[in-house]
């Protein structure tokens, strides 16, 4: 099954898709691929908003895209690795039986599954701009990410 079909399947059966994707063995290459894919998609989702801001403020769009590239593709993976590892330590305090790899993968897979929602949010930010529609799509994207993360994290730490 392709990754796109697994992401769509996560909207129907998130636990089953997470178990299928995390696998039985520790594969950091799989985790980093999922994380980088998710970060690149979220980076691309920012382009319409950045283009709108550059046009409205008379700035160079390339500078804004470069700064966003640095943030999402180089810095956020490090931060997300730390958050994923920290979430495992918190789970251990409350009786979690998973491992750090599964806890990190839960976060990374949640970000990738929520990426279509972030793409929608980026389109709304770019084409409609600030307002209720942007707030609603932002809340939906954040809620989707948090829902996926909580489901995946529980599956990873309390199987």
N, C-alpha and C. Protein backbone atom coordinates (compact mmCIF):
# COMPACT_ATOMS: atom_id res chain seq x y z
N UNK A 1 0.84 -1.17 0.00
CA UNK A 1 0.00 0.00 0.00
C UNK A 1 0.89 1.24 0.00
N UNK A 2 0.50 2.26 -0.72
CA UNK A 2 1.31 3.47 -0.82
C UNK A 2 1.13 4.33 0.43
N UNK A 3 2.04 5.27 0.59
CA UNK A 3 1.99 6.15 1.75
C UNK A 3 0.75 7.03 1.72
N UNK A 4 0.33 7.45 0.53
CA UNK A 4 -0.87 8.28 0.41
C UNK A 4 -2.10 7.49 0.84
N UNK A 5 -2.17 6.25 0.44
CA UNK A 5 -3.31 5.42 0.86
C UNK A 5 -3.28 5.16 2.36
N UNK A 6 -2.08 5.03 2.93
CA UNK A 6 -1.97 4.85 4.38
C UNK A 6 -2.39 6.11 5.14
N UNK A 7 -2.06 7.27 4.59
CA UNK A 7 -2.50 8.53 5.22
C UNK A 7 -4.02 8.61 5.17
N UNK A 8 -4.61 8.32 4.02
CA UNK A 8 -6.07 8.33 3.91
C UNK A 8 -6.69 7.28 4.82
N UNK A 9 -6.05 6.12 4.92
CA UNK A 9 -6.54 5.06 5.81
C UNK A 9 -6.47 5.46 7.27
N UNK A 10 -5.55 6.36 7.59
CA UNK A 10 -5.42 6.82 8.98
C UNK A 10 -6.62 7.64 9.41
N UNK A 11 -7.33 8.21 8.48
CA UNK A 11 -8.53 8.96 8.84
C UNK A 11 -9.69 8.02 9.19
N UNK A 12 -9.61 6.78 8.76
CA UNK A 12 -10.64 5.80 9.11
C UNK A 12 -10.21 4.88 10.23
N UNK A 13 -8.96 4.39 10.16
CA UNK A 13 -8.44 3.45 11.16
C UNK A 13 -7.04 3.88 11.59
N UNK A 14 -6.95 4.89 12.44
CA UNK A 14 -5.62 5.43 12.78
C UNK A 14 -4.73 4.44 13.53
N UNK A 15 -5.30 3.65 14.42
CA UNK A 15 -4.48 2.70 15.18
C UNK A 15 -3.88 1.63 14.27
N UNK A 16 -4.69 1.08 13.40
CA UNK A 16 -4.22 0.02 12.51
C UNK A 16 -3.15 0.54 11.56
N UNK A 17 -3.34 1.74 11.03
CA UNK A 17 -2.36 2.30 10.11
C UNK A 17 -1.05 2.64 10.84
N UNK A 18 -1.16 3.11 12.07
CA UNK A 18 0.06 3.39 12.84
C UNK A 18 0.83 2.10 13.10
N UNK A 19 0.13 1.05 13.53
CA UNK A 19 0.81 -0.23 13.79
C UNK A 19 1.46 -0.75 12.52
N UNK A 20 0.79 -0.61 11.40
CA UNK A 20 1.32 -1.09 10.13
C UNK A 20 2.57 -0.32 9.75
N UNK A 21 2.55 1.00 9.93
CA UNK A 21 3.67 1.83 9.52
C UNK A 21 4.86 1.75 10.46
N UNK A 22 4.61 1.64 11.77
CA UNK A 22 5.73 1.63 12.72
C UNK A 22 6.50 0.32 12.62
N UNK A 23 5.83 -0.76 12.28
CA UNK A 23 6.50 -2.04 12.12
C UNK A 23 6.93 -2.64 13.45
N UNK A 24 7.57 -3.78 13.40
CA UNK A 24 7.98 -4.47 14.60
C UNK A 24 9.40 -4.16 15.04
N UNK A 25 10.22 -3.73 14.12
CA UNK A 25 11.62 -3.48 14.45
C UNK A 25 11.91 -1.98 14.44
N UNK A 26 12.96 -1.61 15.11
CA UNK A 26 13.36 -0.20 15.17
C UNK A 26 14.05 0.16 13.86
N UNK A 27 13.46 1.12 13.15
CA UNK A 27 13.99 1.56 11.86
C UNK A 27 14.04 3.09 11.85
N UNK A 28 15.16 3.65 12.29
CA UNK A 28 15.29 5.10 12.32
C UNK A 28 15.25 5.71 10.92
N UNK A 29 15.66 4.92 9.91
CA UNK A 29 15.59 5.44 8.55
C UNK A 29 14.14 5.68 8.15
N UNK A 30 13.24 4.81 8.56
CA UNK A 30 11.82 4.98 8.29
C UNK A 30 11.29 6.22 9.02
N UNK A 31 11.70 6.38 10.26
CA UNK A 31 11.24 7.52 11.06
C UNK A 31 11.70 8.84 10.46
N UNK A 32 12.96 8.92 10.07
CA UNK A 32 13.47 10.18 9.51
C UNK A 32 12.84 10.46 8.16
N UNK A 33 12.53 9.43 7.37
CA UNK A 33 11.87 9.64 6.09
C UNK A 33 10.46 10.19 6.28
N UNK A 34 9.74 9.64 7.24
CA UNK A 34 8.38 10.14 7.53
C UNK A 34 8.45 11.57 8.03
N UNK A 35 9.38 11.83 8.94
CA UNK A 35 9.52 13.18 9.49
C UNK A 35 9.89 14.19 8.42
N UNK A 36 10.86 13.88 7.59
CA UNK A 36 11.29 14.82 6.56
C UNK A 36 10.19 15.04 5.52
N UNK A 37 9.48 13.97 5.18
CA UNK A 37 8.35 14.11 4.26
C UNK A 37 7.29 15.04 4.82
N UNK A 38 6.97 14.87 6.09
CA UNK A 38 5.96 15.71 6.74
C UNK A 38 6.43 17.16 6.80
N UNK A 39 7.68 17.38 7.16
CA UNK A 39 8.21 18.74 7.26
C UNK A 39 8.24 19.43 5.89
N UNK A 40 8.59 18.69 4.85
CA UNK A 40 8.60 19.27 3.50
C UNK A 40 7.18 19.64 3.07
N UNK A 41 6.20 18.80 3.38
CA UNK A 41 4.82 19.12 3.01
C UNK A 41 4.33 20.35 3.76
N UNK A 42 4.63 20.44 5.04
CA UNK A 42 4.21 21.61 5.81
C UNK A 42 4.93 22.86 5.29
N UNK A 43 6.18 22.71 4.89
CA UNK A 43 6.92 23.83 4.29
C UNK A 43 6.24 24.28 2.99
N UNK A 44 5.89 23.35 2.14
CA UNK A 44 5.21 23.68 0.88
C UNK A 44 3.85 24.32 1.16
N UNK A 45 3.19 23.89 2.21
CA UNK A 45 1.88 24.45 2.56
C UNK A 45 1.98 25.93 2.92
N UNK A 46 3.15 26.40 3.28
CA UNK A 46 3.34 27.80 3.65
C UNK A 46 3.49 28.73 2.44
N UNK A 47 3.76 28.19 1.25
CA UNK A 47 4.05 29.02 0.09
C UNK A 47 2.94 30.01 -0.27
N UNK A 48 1.67 29.59 -0.31
CA UNK A 48 0.65 30.59 -0.66
C UNK A 48 0.60 31.75 0.33
N UNK A 49 0.71 31.45 1.61
CA UNK A 49 0.70 32.51 2.63
C UNK A 49 1.91 33.42 2.46
N UNK A 50 3.07 32.84 2.22
CA UNK A 50 4.29 33.64 2.05
C UNK A 50 4.21 34.52 0.81
N UNK A 51 3.64 33.98 -0.25
CA UNK A 51 3.47 34.76 -1.47
C UNK A 51 2.54 35.94 -1.23
N UNK A 52 1.47 35.71 -0.52
CA UNK A 52 0.52 36.78 -0.20
C UNK A 52 1.19 37.85 0.65
N UNK A 53 1.92 37.44 1.67
CA UNK A 53 2.62 38.40 2.54
C UNK A 53 3.64 39.20 1.77
N UNK A 54 4.39 38.55 0.90
CA UNK A 54 5.41 39.25 0.12
C UNK A 54 4.77 40.29 -0.80
N UNK A 55 3.66 39.92 -1.41
CA UNK A 55 2.96 40.85 -2.31
C UNK A 55 2.41 42.04 -1.52
N UNK A 56 1.78 41.77 -0.39
CA UNK A 56 1.17 42.85 0.39
C UNK A 56 2.19 43.78 1.02
N UNK A 57 3.33 43.26 1.42
CA UNK A 57 4.32 44.07 2.11
C UNK A 57 5.46 44.53 1.21
N UNK A 58 5.43 44.11 -0.05
CA UNK A 58 6.47 44.53 -0.98
C UNK A 58 7.83 43.90 -0.69
N UNK A 59 7.83 42.71 -0.10
CA UNK A 59 9.08 42.02 0.22
C UNK A 59 9.42 41.02 -0.86
N UNK A 60 10.63 40.50 -0.78
CA UNK A 60 11.08 39.46 -1.71
C UNK A 60 10.58 38.11 -1.21
N UNK A 61 9.80 37.43 -2.02
CA UNK A 61 9.23 36.15 -1.60
C UNK A 61 10.31 35.10 -1.39
N UNK A 62 11.42 35.19 -2.11
CA UNK A 62 12.49 34.21 -1.97
C UNK A 62 13.11 34.24 -0.58
N UNK A 63 13.20 35.42 0.01
CA UNK A 63 13.76 35.53 1.37
C UNK A 63 12.82 34.87 2.37
N UNK A 64 11.52 35.09 2.21
CA UNK A 64 10.55 34.48 3.11
C UNK A 64 10.54 32.96 2.97
N UNK A 65 10.62 32.49 1.74
CA UNK A 65 10.64 31.04 1.51
C UNK A 65 11.93 30.44 2.07
N UNK A 66 13.04 31.12 1.92
CA UNK A 66 14.31 30.63 2.46
C UNK A 66 14.28 30.50 3.97
N UNK A 67 13.71 31.50 4.63
CA UNK A 67 13.62 31.44 6.09
C UNK A 67 12.69 30.31 6.54
N UNK A 68 11.60 30.13 5.81
CA UNK A 68 10.66 29.06 6.15
C UNK A 68 11.29 27.70 5.87
N UNK A 69 12.07 27.58 4.82
CA UNK A 69 12.78 26.35 4.52
C UNK A 69 13.74 26.00 5.66
N UNK A 70 14.49 26.97 6.11
CA UNK A 70 15.41 26.75 7.23
C UNK A 70 14.65 26.27 8.46
N UNK A 71 13.53 26.92 8.74
CA UNK A 71 12.76 26.56 9.94
C UNK A 71 12.16 25.16 9.84
N UNK A 72 11.48 24.85 8.74
CA UNK A 72 10.74 23.59 8.66
C UNK A 72 11.57 22.39 8.26
N UNK A 73 12.60 22.57 7.47
CA UNK A 73 13.35 21.41 6.96
C UNK A 73 14.63 21.15 7.75
N UNK A 74 15.15 22.16 8.42
CA UNK A 74 16.40 21.95 9.15
C UNK A 74 16.26 22.04 10.67
N UNK A 75 15.43 22.95 11.15
CA UNK A 75 15.32 23.14 12.59
C UNK A 75 14.19 22.30 13.20
N UNK A 76 13.01 22.29 12.58
CA UNK A 76 11.87 21.56 13.15
C UNK A 76 12.12 20.06 13.31
N UNK A 77 12.83 19.38 12.40
CA UNK A 77 13.10 17.96 12.65
C UNK A 77 13.86 17.73 13.96
N UNK A 78 14.80 18.60 14.27
CA UNK A 78 15.53 18.45 15.53
C UNK A 78 14.61 18.68 16.73
N UNK A 79 13.78 19.69 16.64
CA UNK A 79 12.83 19.98 17.72
C UNK A 79 11.83 18.84 17.88
N UNK A 80 11.35 18.31 16.77
CA UNK A 80 10.37 17.22 16.83
C UNK A 80 10.99 15.93 17.37
N UNK A 81 12.25 15.69 17.05
CA UNK A 81 12.94 14.54 17.65
C UNK A 81 12.99 14.70 19.17
N UNK A 82 13.30 15.90 19.63
CA UNK A 82 13.36 16.15 21.08
C UNK A 82 11.99 16.00 21.72
N UNK A 83 10.95 16.53 21.10
CA UNK A 83 9.60 16.42 21.64
C UNK A 83 9.15 14.96 21.68
N UNK A 84 9.44 14.21 20.63
CA UNK A 84 9.09 12.80 20.61
C UNK A 84 9.78 12.01 21.70
N UNK A 85 11.05 12.29 21.91
CA UNK A 85 11.79 11.60 22.98
C UNK A 85 11.28 12.02 24.36
N UNK A 86 10.96 13.28 24.51
CA UNK A 86 10.41 13.77 25.77
C UNK A 86 9.05 13.15 26.06
N UNK A 87 8.24 12.96 25.03
CA UNK A 87 6.93 12.33 25.23
C UNK A 87 7.09 10.88 25.71
N UNK A 88 8.15 10.21 25.27
CA UNK A 88 8.41 8.86 25.75
C UNK A 88 8.80 8.88 27.23
N UNK A 89 9.61 9.85 27.61
CA UNK A 89 10.00 9.95 29.02
C UNK A 89 8.80 10.23 29.91
N UNK A 90 7.89 11.06 29.44
CA UNK A 90 6.67 11.34 30.20
C UNK A 90 5.83 10.07 30.32
N UNK A 91 5.72 9.32 29.23
CA UNK A 91 4.95 8.07 29.27
C UNK A 91 5.56 7.08 30.26
N UNK A 92 6.88 7.03 30.31
CA UNK A 92 7.55 6.11 31.25
C UNK A 92 7.20 6.46 32.69
N UNK A 93 7.05 7.74 32.98
CA UNK A 93 6.67 8.15 34.34
C UNK A 93 5.28 7.64 34.72
N UNK A 94 4.43 7.46 33.71
CA UNK A 94 3.06 7.02 33.95
C UNK A 94 2.83 5.57 33.52
N UNK A 95 3.88 4.78 33.51
CA UNK A 95 3.75 3.36 33.24
C UNK A 95 3.76 2.94 31.78
N UNK A 96 4.25 3.80 30.90
CA UNK A 96 4.33 3.45 29.49
C UNK A 96 5.29 2.30 29.25
N UNK A 97 4.92 1.40 28.34
CA UNK A 97 5.74 0.22 28.07
C UNK A 97 6.37 0.23 26.68
N UNK A 98 6.22 1.34 25.98
CA UNK A 98 6.78 1.42 24.64
C UNK A 98 8.26 1.75 24.66
N UNK A 99 8.79 2.08 23.50
CA UNK A 99 10.19 2.51 23.42
C UNK A 99 10.25 3.90 22.78
N UNK A 100 11.40 4.51 22.85
CA UNK A 100 11.56 5.87 22.35
C UNK A 100 11.30 5.96 20.85
N UNK A 101 11.70 4.95 20.11
CA UNK A 101 11.46 4.95 18.66
C UNK A 101 9.97 5.03 18.36
N UNK A 102 9.16 4.21 19.01
CA UNK A 102 7.72 4.20 18.75
C UNK A 102 7.08 5.53 19.15
N UNK A 103 7.55 6.13 20.24
CA UNK A 103 7.01 7.43 20.67
C UNK A 103 7.35 8.52 19.65
N UNK A 104 8.58 8.52 19.16
CA UNK A 104 8.95 9.50 18.14
C UNK A 104 8.17 9.27 16.86
N UNK A 105 8.05 8.01 16.46
CA UNK A 105 7.33 7.71 15.22
C UNK A 105 5.87 8.11 15.34
N UNK A 106 5.29 8.00 16.53
CA UNK A 106 3.90 8.42 16.73
C UNK A 106 3.75 9.90 16.39
N UNK A 107 4.69 10.72 16.83
CA UNK A 107 4.66 12.15 16.54
C UNK A 107 4.87 12.41 15.06
N UNK A 108 5.85 11.75 14.47
CA UNK A 108 6.17 11.98 13.06
C UNK A 108 5.02 11.55 12.15
N UNK A 109 4.42 10.39 12.45
CA UNK A 109 3.33 9.89 11.63
C UNK A 109 2.10 10.79 11.78
N UNK A 110 1.88 11.32 12.98
CA UNK A 110 0.76 12.24 13.20
C UNK A 110 0.94 13.50 12.35
N UNK A 111 2.16 14.03 12.29
CA UNK A 111 2.40 15.22 11.48
C UNK A 111 2.18 14.92 10.00
N UNK A 112 2.61 13.77 9.55
CA UNK A 112 2.40 13.41 8.15
C UNK A 112 0.92 13.19 7.85
N UNK A 113 0.19 12.57 8.75
CA UNK A 113 -1.24 12.35 8.54
C UNK A 113 -2.03 13.65 8.54
N UNK A 114 -1.58 14.61 9.32
CA UNK A 114 -2.27 15.91 9.37
C UNK A 114 -1.81 16.85 8.26
N UNK A 115 -0.83 16.47 7.48
CA UNK A 115 -0.28 17.34 6.43
C UNK A 115 -1.34 17.80 5.42
N UNK A 116 -2.30 16.96 5.00
CA UNK A 116 -3.33 17.49 4.09
C UNK A 116 -4.14 18.64 4.71
N UNK A 117 -4.34 18.58 6.00
CA UNK A 117 -5.06 19.66 6.68
C UNK A 117 -4.22 20.93 6.69
N UNK A 118 -2.90 20.79 6.84
CA UNK A 118 -2.02 21.96 6.81
C UNK A 118 -1.94 22.53 5.39
N UNK A 119 -2.04 21.67 4.38
CA UNK A 119 -2.08 22.17 3.01
C UNK A 119 -3.34 23.00 2.78
N UNK A 120 -4.47 22.53 3.28
CA UNK A 120 -5.71 23.29 3.18
C UNK A 120 -5.58 24.62 3.91
N UNK A 121 -5.01 24.60 5.09
CA UNK A 121 -4.81 25.83 5.85
C UNK A 121 -3.92 26.81 5.09
N UNK A 122 -2.89 26.30 4.45
CA UNK A 122 -2.00 27.16 3.67
C UNK A 122 -2.71 27.78 2.48
N UNK A 123 -3.56 27.01 1.82
CA UNK A 123 -4.32 27.56 0.69
C UNK A 123 -5.29 28.64 1.15
N UNK A 124 -5.94 28.40 2.26
CA UNK A 124 -6.86 29.42 2.79
C UNK A 124 -6.08 30.68 3.17
N UNK A 125 -4.93 30.51 3.80
CA UNK A 125 -4.11 31.66 4.18
C UNK A 125 -3.65 32.45 2.96
N UNK A 126 -3.34 31.75 1.88
CA UNK A 126 -2.85 32.41 0.68
C UNK A 126 -3.93 33.05 -0.17
N UNK A 127 -5.07 32.38 -0.31
CA UNK A 127 -6.08 32.87 -1.23
C UNK A 127 -7.19 33.67 -0.56
N UNK A 128 -7.51 33.37 0.67
CA UNK A 128 -8.56 34.11 1.37
C UNK A 128 -7.96 35.12 2.33
N UNK A 129 -6.90 34.74 3.02
CA UNK A 129 -6.24 35.64 3.94
C UNK A 129 -6.80 35.55 5.34
N UNK A 130 -6.38 36.47 6.19
CA UNK A 130 -6.82 36.44 7.58
C UNK A 130 -8.34 36.59 7.69
N UNK A 131 -8.89 35.88 8.67
CA UNK A 131 -10.33 35.95 8.89
C UNK A 131 -10.84 34.67 9.50
N UNK A 132 -12.16 34.54 9.59
CA UNK A 132 -12.75 33.36 10.22
C UNK A 132 -12.40 32.05 9.52
N UNK A 133 -12.33 32.07 8.19
CA UNK A 133 -12.03 30.84 7.45
C UNK A 133 -10.63 30.33 7.80
N UNK A 134 -9.69 31.24 7.91
CA UNK A 134 -8.32 30.85 8.26
C UNK A 134 -8.26 30.33 9.69
N UNK A 135 -8.98 30.96 10.58
CA UNK A 135 -9.00 30.51 11.96
C UNK A 135 -9.61 29.12 12.07
N UNK A 136 -10.69 28.88 11.36
CA UNK A 136 -11.35 27.58 11.42
C UNK A 136 -10.46 26.48 10.84
N UNK A 137 -9.85 26.76 9.69
CA UNK A 137 -8.97 25.72 9.11
C UNK A 137 -7.74 25.50 9.98
N UNK A 138 -7.23 26.55 10.60
CA UNK A 138 -6.10 26.39 11.51
C UNK A 138 -6.46 25.54 12.72
N UNK A 139 -7.63 25.77 13.27
CA UNK A 139 -8.09 24.98 14.42
C UNK A 139 -8.30 23.53 14.01
N UNK A 140 -8.87 23.32 12.83
CA UNK A 140 -9.09 21.95 12.34
C UNK A 140 -7.76 21.24 12.12
N UNK A 141 -6.79 21.93 11.53
CA UNK A 141 -5.47 21.32 11.28
C UNK A 141 -4.78 20.98 12.59
N UNK A 142 -4.82 21.89 13.54
CA UNK A 142 -4.19 21.63 14.83
C UNK A 142 -4.91 20.50 15.58
N UNK A 143 -6.23 20.52 15.56
CA UNK A 143 -7.00 19.46 16.23
C UNK A 143 -6.73 18.10 15.58
N UNK A 144 -6.64 18.08 14.25
CA UNK A 144 -6.33 16.83 13.56
C UNK A 144 -4.97 16.29 13.96
N UNK A 145 -3.98 17.17 13.97
CA UNK A 145 -2.64 16.76 14.38
C UNK A 145 -2.64 16.22 15.80
N UNK A 146 -3.26 16.95 16.72
CA UNK A 146 -3.28 16.52 18.12
C UNK A 146 -4.05 15.22 18.30
N UNK A 147 -5.13 15.05 17.54
CA UNK A 147 -5.89 13.80 17.63
C UNK A 147 -5.05 12.62 17.13
N UNK A 148 -4.40 12.79 15.98
CA UNK A 148 -3.55 11.72 15.47
C UNK A 148 -2.41 11.41 16.45
N UNK A 149 -1.80 12.46 16.98
CA UNK A 149 -0.68 12.25 17.89
C UNK A 149 -1.12 11.53 19.15
N UNK A 150 -2.25 11.92 19.72
CA UNK A 150 -2.70 11.27 20.95
C UNK A 150 -3.06 9.81 20.71
N UNK A 151 -3.70 9.51 19.59
CA UNK A 151 -4.04 8.13 19.26
C UNK A 151 -2.78 7.31 19.03
N UNK A 152 -1.86 7.84 18.24
CA UNK A 152 -0.61 7.13 17.93
C UNK A 152 0.24 6.95 19.18
N UNK A 153 0.33 7.99 19.99
CA UNK A 153 1.15 7.93 21.20
C UNK A 153 0.61 6.89 22.17
N UNK A 154 -0.70 6.87 22.31
CA UNK A 154 -1.30 5.85 23.20
C UNK A 154 -1.04 4.44 22.65
N UNK A 155 -1.12 4.28 21.37
CA UNK A 155 -0.86 2.98 20.75
C UNK A 155 0.62 2.59 20.91
N UNK A 156 1.50 3.59 20.85
CA UNK A 156 2.94 3.31 20.96
C UNK A 156 3.35 2.99 22.39
N UNK A 157 2.80 3.69 23.34
CA UNK A 157 3.23 3.55 24.72
C UNK A 157 2.41 2.58 25.56
N UNK A 158 1.16 2.39 25.22
CA UNK A 158 0.28 1.52 26.01
C UNK A 158 -0.41 0.51 25.09
N UNK A 159 0.37 -0.39 24.49
CA UNK A 159 -0.23 -1.34 23.52
C UNK A 159 -1.13 -2.36 24.19
